[in-house]
Protein backbone atom coordinates (compact mmCIF):
# COMPACT_ATOMS: atom_id res chain seq x y z
CA MET A 1 -51.55 32.04 14.54
CA GLU A 2 -53.49 30.37 17.10
CA ILE A 3 -56.84 28.97 17.14
CA VAL A 4 -59.52 28.26 19.98
CA PRO A 5 -61.80 25.78 18.59
CA GLU A 6 -65.32 26.18 19.49
CA ARG A 7 -66.89 23.07 21.65
CA ASN A 8 -68.13 20.14 19.16
CA THR A 9 -65.84 21.62 16.63
CA SER A 10 -64.75 18.12 14.12
CA VAL A 11 -60.87 18.38 12.77
CA SER A 12 -61.65 18.85 9.46
CA GLN A 13 -63.92 22.68 10.72
CA LEU A 14 -60.37 23.23 13.16
CA ILE A 15 -58.45 22.61 9.64
CA VAL A 16 -60.98 24.62 7.81
CA GLN A 17 -60.26 27.14 9.88
CA TRP A 18 -56.82 27.09 10.64
CA ALA A 19 -56.13 27.08 6.79
CA TYR A 20 -58.56 30.17 6.60
CA THR A 21 -56.67 32.14 9.07
CA GLY A 22 -53.70 30.84 6.72
CA ILE A 23 -55.03 32.71 4.09
CA ARG A 24 -55.73 36.28 6.13
CA PHE A 25 -51.61 36.35 7.69
CA ALA A 26 -50.39 35.59 3.61
CA LEU A 27 -52.29 38.00 2.29
CA SER A 28 -51.80 40.27 4.76
CA ASN A 29 -47.77 39.74 4.42
CA GLY A 30 -48.39 39.61 0.81
CA THR A 31 -47.18 35.75 0.54
CA MET A 32 -48.18 34.66 -3.18
CA ILE A 33 -47.16 31.07 -1.86
CA GLY A 34 -48.99 30.75 1.47
CA PHE A 35 -52.03 31.87 0.41
CA LEU A 36 -51.61 29.33 -2.60
CA THR A 37 -50.93 26.45 -0.22
CA PHE A 38 -53.52 27.34 2.54
CA LEU A 39 -56.26 27.44 -0.82
CA GLU A 40 -55.14 23.99 -2.01
CA LEU A 41 -56.02 22.66 1.38
CA LEU A 42 -59.06 23.80 1.57
CA ILE A 43 -60.02 22.85 -1.78
CA VAL A 44 -59.04 19.84 -0.69
CA LEU A 45 -61.39 20.18 2.25
CA ARG A 46 -64.74 21.95 0.03
CA ARG A 47 -64.63 20.87 -3.18
CA PRO A 48 -64.28 17.10 -3.92
CA ASP A 49 -66.04 17.98 -7.08
CA ILE A 50 -62.17 19.02 -8.34
CA VAL A 51 -60.17 16.46 -6.23
CA ASP A 52 -62.53 14.06 -8.58
CA LYS A 53 -61.06 11.37 -6.41
CA ASP A 54 -63.23 8.42 -8.21
CA ASN A 55 -61.94 9.95 -11.54
CA ARG A 56 -58.47 10.57 -11.57
CA VAL A 57 -55.91 8.61 -13.52
CA ARG A 58 -54.64 5.58 -11.46
CA ILE A 59 -50.93 5.50 -11.77
CA VAL A 60 -49.37 1.97 -12.07
CA SER A 61 -46.31 1.35 -9.75
CA VAL A 62 -43.24 0.12 -11.70
CA GLU A 63 -43.77 -3.14 -10.49
CA GLU A 64 -47.38 -3.41 -12.05
CA MET A 65 -45.82 -2.78 -15.52
CA LEU A 66 -45.65 -4.92 -18.46
CA GLY A 67 -42.34 -5.46 -20.09
CA SER A 68 -43.35 -4.98 -23.36
CA TYR A 69 -46.78 -3.02 -24.56
CA ASP A 70 -48.27 -2.75 -28.17
CA PHE A 71 -47.73 0.87 -28.05
CA VAL A 72 -45.13 3.47 -25.65
CA ILE A 73 -46.31 6.81 -25.43
CA ILE A 74 -43.78 8.99 -24.28
CA GLY A 75 -45.38 12.51 -23.11
CA GLY A 76 -48.40 13.03 -21.28
CA GLY A 77 -49.13 16.04 -22.36
CA SER A 78 -51.51 17.97 -24.86
CA ALA A 79 -51.20 15.36 -27.28
CA GLY A 80 -50.04 12.19 -25.45
CA ALA A 81 -53.57 12.17 -23.66
CA VAL A 82 -55.34 12.09 -26.80
CA LEU A 83 -53.22 9.64 -28.04
CA ALA A 84 -53.72 7.11 -25.28
CA ASN A 85 -57.40 7.69 -25.27
CA ARG A 86 -57.81 7.04 -28.81
CA LEU A 87 -55.18 3.58 -29.13
CA SER A 88 -56.74 2.29 -25.50
CA GLU A 89 -60.44 2.34 -27.44
CA ASN A 90 -59.01 -0.84 -29.05
CA SER A 91 -59.37 -3.57 -26.24
CA ASN A 92 -56.87 -5.37 -28.31
CA TRP A 93 -53.70 -2.94 -28.13
CA THR A 94 -51.75 -2.54 -25.03
CA ILE A 95 -50.63 1.04 -24.05
CA LEU A 96 -48.27 2.42 -21.83
CA LEU A 97 -48.00 6.27 -21.42
CA LEU A 98 -45.19 8.01 -20.01
CA GLU A 99 -45.23 11.39 -18.10
CA GLY A 100 -41.91 12.77 -16.75
CA GLY A 101 -44.26 15.04 -14.65
CA ASN A 102 -47.01 13.93 -12.04
CA ASP A 103 -50.19 14.34 -12.02
CA GLU A 104 -52.25 17.89 -12.34
CA GLY A 105 -52.64 19.39 -9.06
CA VAL A 106 -56.17 21.07 -7.30
CA ILE A 107 -54.62 24.52 -7.77
CA SER A 108 -54.48 24.22 -11.56
CA ASP A 109 -58.33 23.98 -11.75
CA VAL A 110 -58.54 27.74 -10.66
CA PRO A 111 -58.70 29.72 -14.40
CA SER A 112 -57.66 33.13 -12.54
CA LEU A 113 -54.64 31.79 -11.03
CA ALA A 114 -52.80 30.40 -14.26
CA SER A 115 -50.35 32.93 -14.12
CA TYR A 116 -49.25 31.98 -10.70
CA LEU A 117 -48.51 27.91 -12.29
CA GLN A 118 -45.26 28.97 -13.26
CA HIS A 119 -41.85 27.75 -12.00
CA THR A 120 -44.04 25.44 -9.51
CA GLU A 121 -43.42 21.94 -9.78
CA VAL A 122 -46.28 21.78 -12.85
CA ASP A 123 -43.87 23.69 -14.84
CA TRP A 124 -40.28 22.34 -16.26
CA GLY A 125 -38.79 26.28 -15.57
CA PHE A 126 -36.68 26.36 -18.92
CA LYS A 127 -35.19 30.00 -20.05
CA ILE A 128 -34.50 30.68 -23.33
CA GLU A 129 -30.94 31.76 -24.53
CA ASN A 130 -29.73 34.95 -23.97
CA SER A 131 -30.68 37.96 -26.82
CA SER A 132 -29.46 40.55 -27.67
CA THR A 133 -32.32 42.16 -29.86
CA TYR A 134 -35.44 41.09 -27.10
CA CYS A 135 -36.03 40.46 -23.81
CA LYS A 136 -33.74 43.02 -22.61
CA GLY A 137 -35.71 43.72 -19.65
CA MET A 138 -35.29 40.26 -17.84
CA VAL A 139 -31.79 39.07 -16.33
CA ASN A 140 -29.18 38.15 -18.95
CA ASN A 141 -31.69 39.09 -21.08
CA GLN A 142 -33.68 35.71 -20.76
CA CYS A 143 -37.18 35.34 -21.03
CA ASN A 144 -38.82 32.03 -19.52
CA TRP A 145 -40.16 29.57 -21.63
CA PRO A 146 -42.60 27.81 -19.84
CA ARG A 147 -43.76 24.07 -20.25
CA GLY A 148 -46.24 22.03 -18.65
CA LYS A 149 -44.49 19.04 -16.81
CA ALA A 150 -47.65 17.13 -15.79
CA LEU A 151 -50.47 14.68 -17.04
CA GLY A 152 -52.18 17.38 -19.47
CA GLY A 153 -48.59 18.82 -20.41
CA SER A 154 -49.08 22.64 -21.48
CA SER A 155 -52.99 22.68 -21.61
CA VAL A 156 -52.08 22.46 -17.10
CA ILE A 157 -50.45 25.89 -17.40
CA ASN A 158 -51.56 27.97 -20.41
CA TYR A 159 -54.42 30.35 -20.29
CA LEU A 160 -57.44 28.28 -20.89
CA ILE A 161 -58.33 30.78 -24.53
CA TYR A 162 -59.54 28.24 -26.95
CA VAL A 163 -58.07 29.68 -30.47
CA ARG A 164 -57.74 27.85 -33.80
CA GLY A 165 -56.16 29.57 -35.60
CA ASN A 166 -57.18 31.48 -39.12
CA ARG A 167 -58.19 29.53 -41.94
CA LYS A 168 -55.29 30.66 -44.08
CA ASP A 169 -52.69 29.74 -41.96
CA TYR A 170 -54.06 26.23 -42.72
CA ASP A 171 -54.61 26.64 -46.25
CA GLN A 172 -50.63 27.70 -46.46
CA TRP A 173 -49.52 25.18 -45.27
CA GLU A 174 -51.25 23.04 -47.75
CA GLU A 175 -50.09 24.66 -50.50
CA LEU A 176 -46.97 23.96 -49.29
CA GLY A 177 -47.08 20.44 -50.08
CA ASN A 178 -48.29 19.92 -46.65
CA SER A 179 -51.51 17.44 -48.03
CA GLY A 180 -54.55 17.05 -45.53
CA TRP A 181 -53.51 20.24 -43.60
CA GLY A 182 -55.93 22.49 -45.15
CA TYR A 183 -58.33 24.40 -43.21
CA ASP A 184 -61.12 22.16 -44.92
CA ASP A 185 -59.42 19.15 -43.43
CA VAL A 186 -58.80 19.83 -40.51
CA LEU A 187 -62.12 21.60 -39.26
CA PRO A 188 -64.07 18.20 -38.58
CA HIS A 189 -60.70 16.99 -36.40
CA PHE A 190 -61.83 20.21 -34.50
CA LYS A 191 -65.13 19.57 -34.29
CA LYS A 192 -64.85 15.99 -33.32
CA ALA A 193 -62.32 16.77 -30.37
CA GLU A 194 -64.57 19.69 -29.17
CA ASN A 195 -68.32 19.78 -26.90
CA VAL A 196 -69.37 23.51 -27.00
CA SER A 197 -71.22 24.34 -24.05
CA ILE A 198 -72.15 27.87 -25.23
CA PRO A 199 -76.06 27.68 -26.32
CA ASP A 200 -75.70 30.44 -29.85
CA LEU A 201 -72.68 27.83 -30.98
CA ARG A 202 -73.96 24.54 -30.75
CA ALA A 203 -76.15 24.56 -33.39
CA SER A 204 -72.67 26.33 -35.39
CA PRO A 205 -71.38 24.41 -38.34
CA TYR A 206 -67.65 25.35 -37.03
CA HIS A 207 -68.34 23.55 -33.33
CA GLY A 208 -68.96 20.07 -31.95
CA THR A 209 -71.15 18.80 -29.09
CA THR A 210 -69.97 15.20 -28.58
CA GLY A 211 -66.06 15.59 -28.04
CA TYR A 212 -64.47 14.80 -24.78
CA LEU A 213 -62.69 18.57 -25.01
CA THR A 214 -65.28 21.41 -23.37
CA VAL A 215 -65.12 24.60 -24.53
CA GLU A 216 -66.94 27.51 -22.81
CA ARG A 217 -67.43 31.24 -21.59
CA ALA A 218 -65.83 32.39 -18.02
CA ARG A 219 -68.35 31.85 -15.20
CA TYR A 220 -67.23 35.25 -14.29
CA LYS A 221 -66.76 38.26 -16.31
CA HIS A 222 -65.22 40.90 -15.48
CA PRO A 223 -67.30 44.50 -14.76
CA ILE A 224 -64.71 46.27 -17.37
CA ALA A 225 -64.99 43.63 -20.13
CA SER A 226 -68.52 45.44 -21.48
CA TYR A 227 -66.45 48.23 -21.72
CA PHE A 228 -64.07 46.52 -23.77
CA LEU A 229 -66.07 45.49 -26.33
CA ASN A 230 -68.56 48.69 -27.02
CA ALA A 231 -64.89 50.31 -27.70
CA SER A 232 -64.26 47.80 -30.50
CA PHE A 233 -68.13 48.62 -31.59
CA GLU A 234 -66.87 52.14 -31.75
CA MET A 235 -63.79 51.08 -33.35
CA GLY A 236 -66.33 49.82 -35.98
CA TYR A 237 -65.92 45.92 -35.93
CA SER A 238 -68.47 43.61 -35.26
CA GLU A 239 -68.88 40.80 -31.97
CA VAL A 240 -67.96 37.73 -33.92
CA ASP A 241 -67.19 34.08 -33.21
CA VAL A 242 -63.23 33.85 -33.63
CA ASN A 243 -63.86 30.43 -34.11
CA GLY A 244 -66.39 30.35 -36.80
CA GLU A 245 -66.58 31.89 -40.36
CA THR A 246 -64.68 34.75 -39.90
CA GLN A 247 -61.40 35.70 -37.29
CA THR A 248 -61.53 39.43 -37.78
CA GLY A 249 -63.44 41.20 -34.76
CA PHE A 250 -64.00 40.83 -31.19
CA MET A 251 -65.54 38.55 -28.77
CA TYR A 252 -65.96 36.84 -24.65
CA PRO A 253 -63.19 34.56 -25.14
CA GLN A 254 -64.26 30.77 -25.09
CA ALA A 255 -62.09 29.01 -23.44
CA THR A 256 -61.28 24.89 -22.59
CA VAL A 257 -63.03 24.86 -19.01
CA ARG A 258 -65.88 22.79 -17.68
CA ASN A 259 -68.16 24.09 -15.39
CA GLY A 260 -66.18 27.02 -15.11
CA ARG A 261 -63.04 25.22 -14.24
CA ARG A 262 -59.74 24.06 -16.26
CA CYS A 263 -60.21 21.09 -19.00
CA SER A 264 -56.78 20.11 -19.60
CA SER A 265 -56.36 17.29 -21.98
CA ALA A 266 -55.69 15.48 -19.03
CA LYS A 267 -59.26 15.88 -17.61
CA ALA A 268 -60.48 15.37 -21.02
CA TYR A 269 -58.84 12.55 -22.23
CA LEU A 270 -57.33 10.49 -19.21
CA ARG A 271 -59.69 10.76 -16.50
CA SER A 272 -62.67 9.54 -18.64
CA THR A 273 -60.61 6.19 -19.73
CA ALA A 274 -60.31 5.29 -15.62
CA GLY A 275 -61.91 2.22 -16.03
CA ARG A 276 -59.64 0.72 -19.08
CA GLU A 277 -57.35 -1.86 -18.06
CA ASN A 278 -55.01 -1.97 -20.86
CA LEU A 279 -53.82 1.33 -20.65
CA HIS A 280 -50.89 2.33 -17.77
CA VAL A 281 -49.86 5.30 -17.13
CA ARG A 282 -46.55 5.98 -14.99
CA THR A 283 -45.94 9.28 -13.71
CA GLY A 284 -42.51 11.03 -12.81
CA ALA A 285 -40.99 8.79 -15.42
CA LEU A 286 -38.29 10.96 -17.36
CA VAL A 287 -37.71 9.33 -20.74
CA THR A 288 -33.57 9.43 -21.54
CA LYS A 289 -33.71 7.48 -24.47
CA ILE A 290 -35.26 5.63 -27.26
CA LEU A 291 -34.10 2.17 -28.22
CA VAL A 292 -33.41 1.98 -32.60
CA ASN A 293 -32.71 -0.82 -34.62
CA GLU A 294 -29.50 0.95 -36.22
CA THR A 295 -30.11 -1.72 -38.80
CA THR A 296 -33.53 -0.84 -39.94
CA LYS A 297 -33.83 2.30 -38.21
CA THR A 298 -36.99 1.01 -36.05
CA ALA A 299 -37.62 2.05 -32.48
CA TYR A 300 -38.52 -0.86 -30.24
CA GLY A 301 -38.53 0.22 -26.76
CA VAL A 302 -37.66 2.93 -24.28
CA GLU A 303 -35.34 3.88 -21.38
CA PHE A 304 -36.89 5.67 -18.92
CA VAL A 305 -35.05 7.02 -15.58
CA ARG A 306 -37.74 7.18 -12.37
CA GLU A 307 -36.06 7.88 -8.78
CA ASN A 308 -32.24 7.38 -10.00
CA MET A 309 -33.07 3.73 -11.35
CA LYS A 310 -33.31 3.00 -14.81
CA TYR A 311 -35.95 0.89 -16.61
CA THR A 312 -36.31 -0.68 -20.38
CA VAL A 313 -39.87 -1.04 -21.63
CA ARG A 314 -40.38 -2.20 -24.83
CA ALA A 315 -42.73 -1.45 -27.87
CA LYS A 316 -44.04 -4.14 -30.15
CA LYS A 317 -45.86 -1.91 -32.49
CA GLU A 318 -44.80 1.67 -32.39
CA VAL A 319 -42.87 4.04 -29.69
CA ILE A 320 -44.90 7.49 -29.83
CA LEU A 321 -42.50 10.76 -29.47
CA SER A 322 -45.13 13.87 -27.74
CA ALA A 323 -42.73 15.24 -25.61
CA GLY A 324 -43.45 18.85 -26.33
CA THR A 325 -41.34 21.70 -28.81
CA ILE A 326 -38.66 21.58 -26.73
CA GLN A 327 -37.91 18.16 -25.64
CA SER A 328 -38.51 16.11 -28.46
CA PRO A 329 -35.88 16.71 -30.85
CA GLN A 330 -34.09 17.17 -27.00
CA LEU A 331 -35.21 13.50 -26.90
CA LEU A 332 -34.50 12.22 -30.60
CA MET A 333 -31.29 13.40 -30.66
CA LEU A 334 -29.89 12.07 -27.58
CA SER A 335 -31.15 9.16 -29.23
CA GLY A 336 -28.91 9.34 -32.33
CA ILE A 337 -31.08 11.15 -34.54
CA GLY A 338 -30.65 14.09 -35.59
CA PRO A 339 -27.91 16.16 -37.27
CA LYS A 340 -24.52 14.43 -37.54
CA GLU A 341 -22.30 17.16 -36.81
CA HIS A 342 -24.08 18.15 -34.34
CA LEU A 343 -24.23 14.53 -32.51
CA GLU A 344 -20.79 13.53 -32.87
CA GLU A 345 -19.61 17.21 -31.40
CA VAL A 346 -21.13 16.21 -28.27
CA GLY A 347 -20.42 12.61 -28.24
CA ILE A 348 -23.49 10.75 -29.05
CA ARG A 349 -23.30 7.78 -31.67
CA VAL A 350 -25.09 8.89 -34.92
CA ILE A 351 -28.21 6.19 -35.48
CA LEU A 352 -29.67 8.10 -38.21
CA ASP A 353 -28.35 11.68 -39.65
CA SER A 354 -31.57 13.64 -39.89
CA PRO A 355 -30.42 17.59 -40.31
CA GLY A 356 -33.86 19.11 -39.23
CA VAL A 357 -34.40 17.83 -35.80
CA GLY A 358 -34.18 21.19 -33.68
CA LYS A 359 -33.79 23.25 -37.02
CA ASN A 360 -36.85 26.08 -36.90
CA LEU A 361 -37.39 26.40 -33.14
CA GLN A 362 -38.80 29.52 -32.37
CA ASP A 363 -39.20 30.93 -28.95
CA HIS A 364 -42.38 30.90 -26.96
CA VAL A 365 -42.01 33.08 -24.16
CA GLY A 366 -43.47 34.19 -20.90
CA ILE A 367 -43.43 37.53 -20.24
CA GLY A 368 -45.76 40.75 -18.88
CA GLY A 369 -47.35 42.71 -21.04
CA LEU A 370 -47.99 46.46 -20.83
CA THR A 371 -49.91 46.64 -17.32
CA TYR A 372 -51.57 49.71 -15.79
CA LEU A 373 -53.69 50.54 -12.77
CA ILE A 374 -57.29 51.81 -13.52
CA ASP A 375 -60.65 53.08 -11.15
CA PRO A 376 -62.10 49.76 -10.07
CA PRO A 377 -65.99 49.55 -11.29
CA HIS A 378 -68.18 50.34 -8.43
CA ASP A 379 -69.90 47.05 -8.26
CA SER A 380 -66.27 44.88 -8.22
CA SER A 381 -64.84 43.15 -5.68
CA THR A 382 -61.63 43.74 -3.89
CA SER A 383 -61.78 41.65 -1.23
CA THR A 384 -59.65 38.26 -1.61
CA LEU A 385 -61.17 36.31 1.12
CA SER A 386 -64.32 36.88 -0.09
CA GLU A 387 -63.73 35.90 -2.96
CA VAL A 388 -62.04 32.35 -1.87
CA GLU A 389 -65.76 31.90 -0.02
CA GLN A 390 -67.19 32.41 -3.30
CA PHE A 391 -65.39 29.87 -5.13
CA LEU A 392 -65.70 27.66 -2.39
CA ALA A 393 -69.10 27.98 -1.32
CA GLU A 394 -70.73 29.53 -3.95
CA ARG A 395 -68.64 28.44 -6.80
CA ASN A 396 -68.95 31.48 -8.59
CA GLY A 397 -66.93 34.76 -8.27
CA SER A 398 -63.74 36.44 -10.09
CA LEU A 399 -61.87 33.25 -9.14
CA TYR A 400 -63.77 31.79 -12.02
CA ASP A 401 -61.70 34.60 -14.31
CA ILE A 402 -59.74 33.74 -17.14
CA SER A 403 -58.03 37.24 -16.52
CA PHE A 404 -55.62 36.91 -19.20
CA GLY A 405 -57.96 38.21 -22.09
CA GLU A 406 -61.54 39.58 -20.87
CA VAL A 407 -62.02 40.49 -24.59
CA ILE A 408 -60.30 39.04 -27.38
CA GLY A 409 -60.10 40.19 -31.27
CA PHE A 410 -58.85 39.91 -34.61
CA THR A 411 -57.96 42.88 -36.83
CA ASN A 412 -56.40 43.15 -40.44
CA SER A 413 -52.91 44.76 -40.19
CA ARG A 414 -50.37 45.27 -42.93
CA TYR A 415 -46.77 46.13 -42.83
CA GLN A 416 -45.87 49.89 -44.45
């Protein structure tokens, strides 16, 4: 890959030329890791809006950290970022946000590359236990269970589609005794969080326009999408807003993107707090234990590990656990809170016998669906290199595609 620089070529221009040569080489050899590496370099050099240097979260050093904070939040993911934002609105409180991963990388901004983020440094890389009934096409009958390991958590590696759920699910939760979880109760919170940029939804009573989380249509629409949507019309369905009055029907997806690029909870809720001195964010900090007063059963601090060093920090008011579906119950049990028999079995001192911790865990696997080849529409691009240039220079093209679902829909079904 020898490059002969032109006369008067700057160092940055030379690096750009070298990176494009690297991408060509990676594409010709089918090396996805190489492609992502060189694309990341080109984004850093040519897309300062993605690098977003002025608004990135400032990570405090361990030496800068206080010995105690009013609130200590464990996990800077989809929930933790929101909590850090909201609590730090009160300038009289001090907040520490601890995240096991690092800041989200620039590649995660590229919508069409979502599936390639699994098994990278922003994914915890979990696998489910082996099963005799599903994941039978996988090694040892084990599917991957993607979980985000970065500021923004799984909102950094998900497929971006914005769907809130069905009204009846929320109403059923309320009927089961969960007061305040009915659809009419949660809708105002969805609206408060959202800033919908889709023109025909700005005035909708089901959407918000002043929240931190941006919701848009994908900037790129694959030519085949219209065929899928028209097919749904032929079947008798209508185009609907699945986050609106009725969910039955089809639509081009709404997505958690801003200016066509991923809008993670870190981008939405943490970068907007960059100037708040009462919020400290520490990445690469793996919390290993919640400190609990055995008499009062009150959490008063946490232990965490960074670069093989153990640290302790205290909470004056609350420890807030938002470490995700897997690691929240795991951390409770490591801290002595969980089913007594299991804790004693693995040698953990029981602080509180709580049999429900870790129960009703349901697999959320990452697995490919049915995949098949089609003849490409006449106006679709087949050159990945040209798509890279479109993304970098023209800020459009298929790398802005929400490729997981060109059209989404909900239908009524009934078991026979």
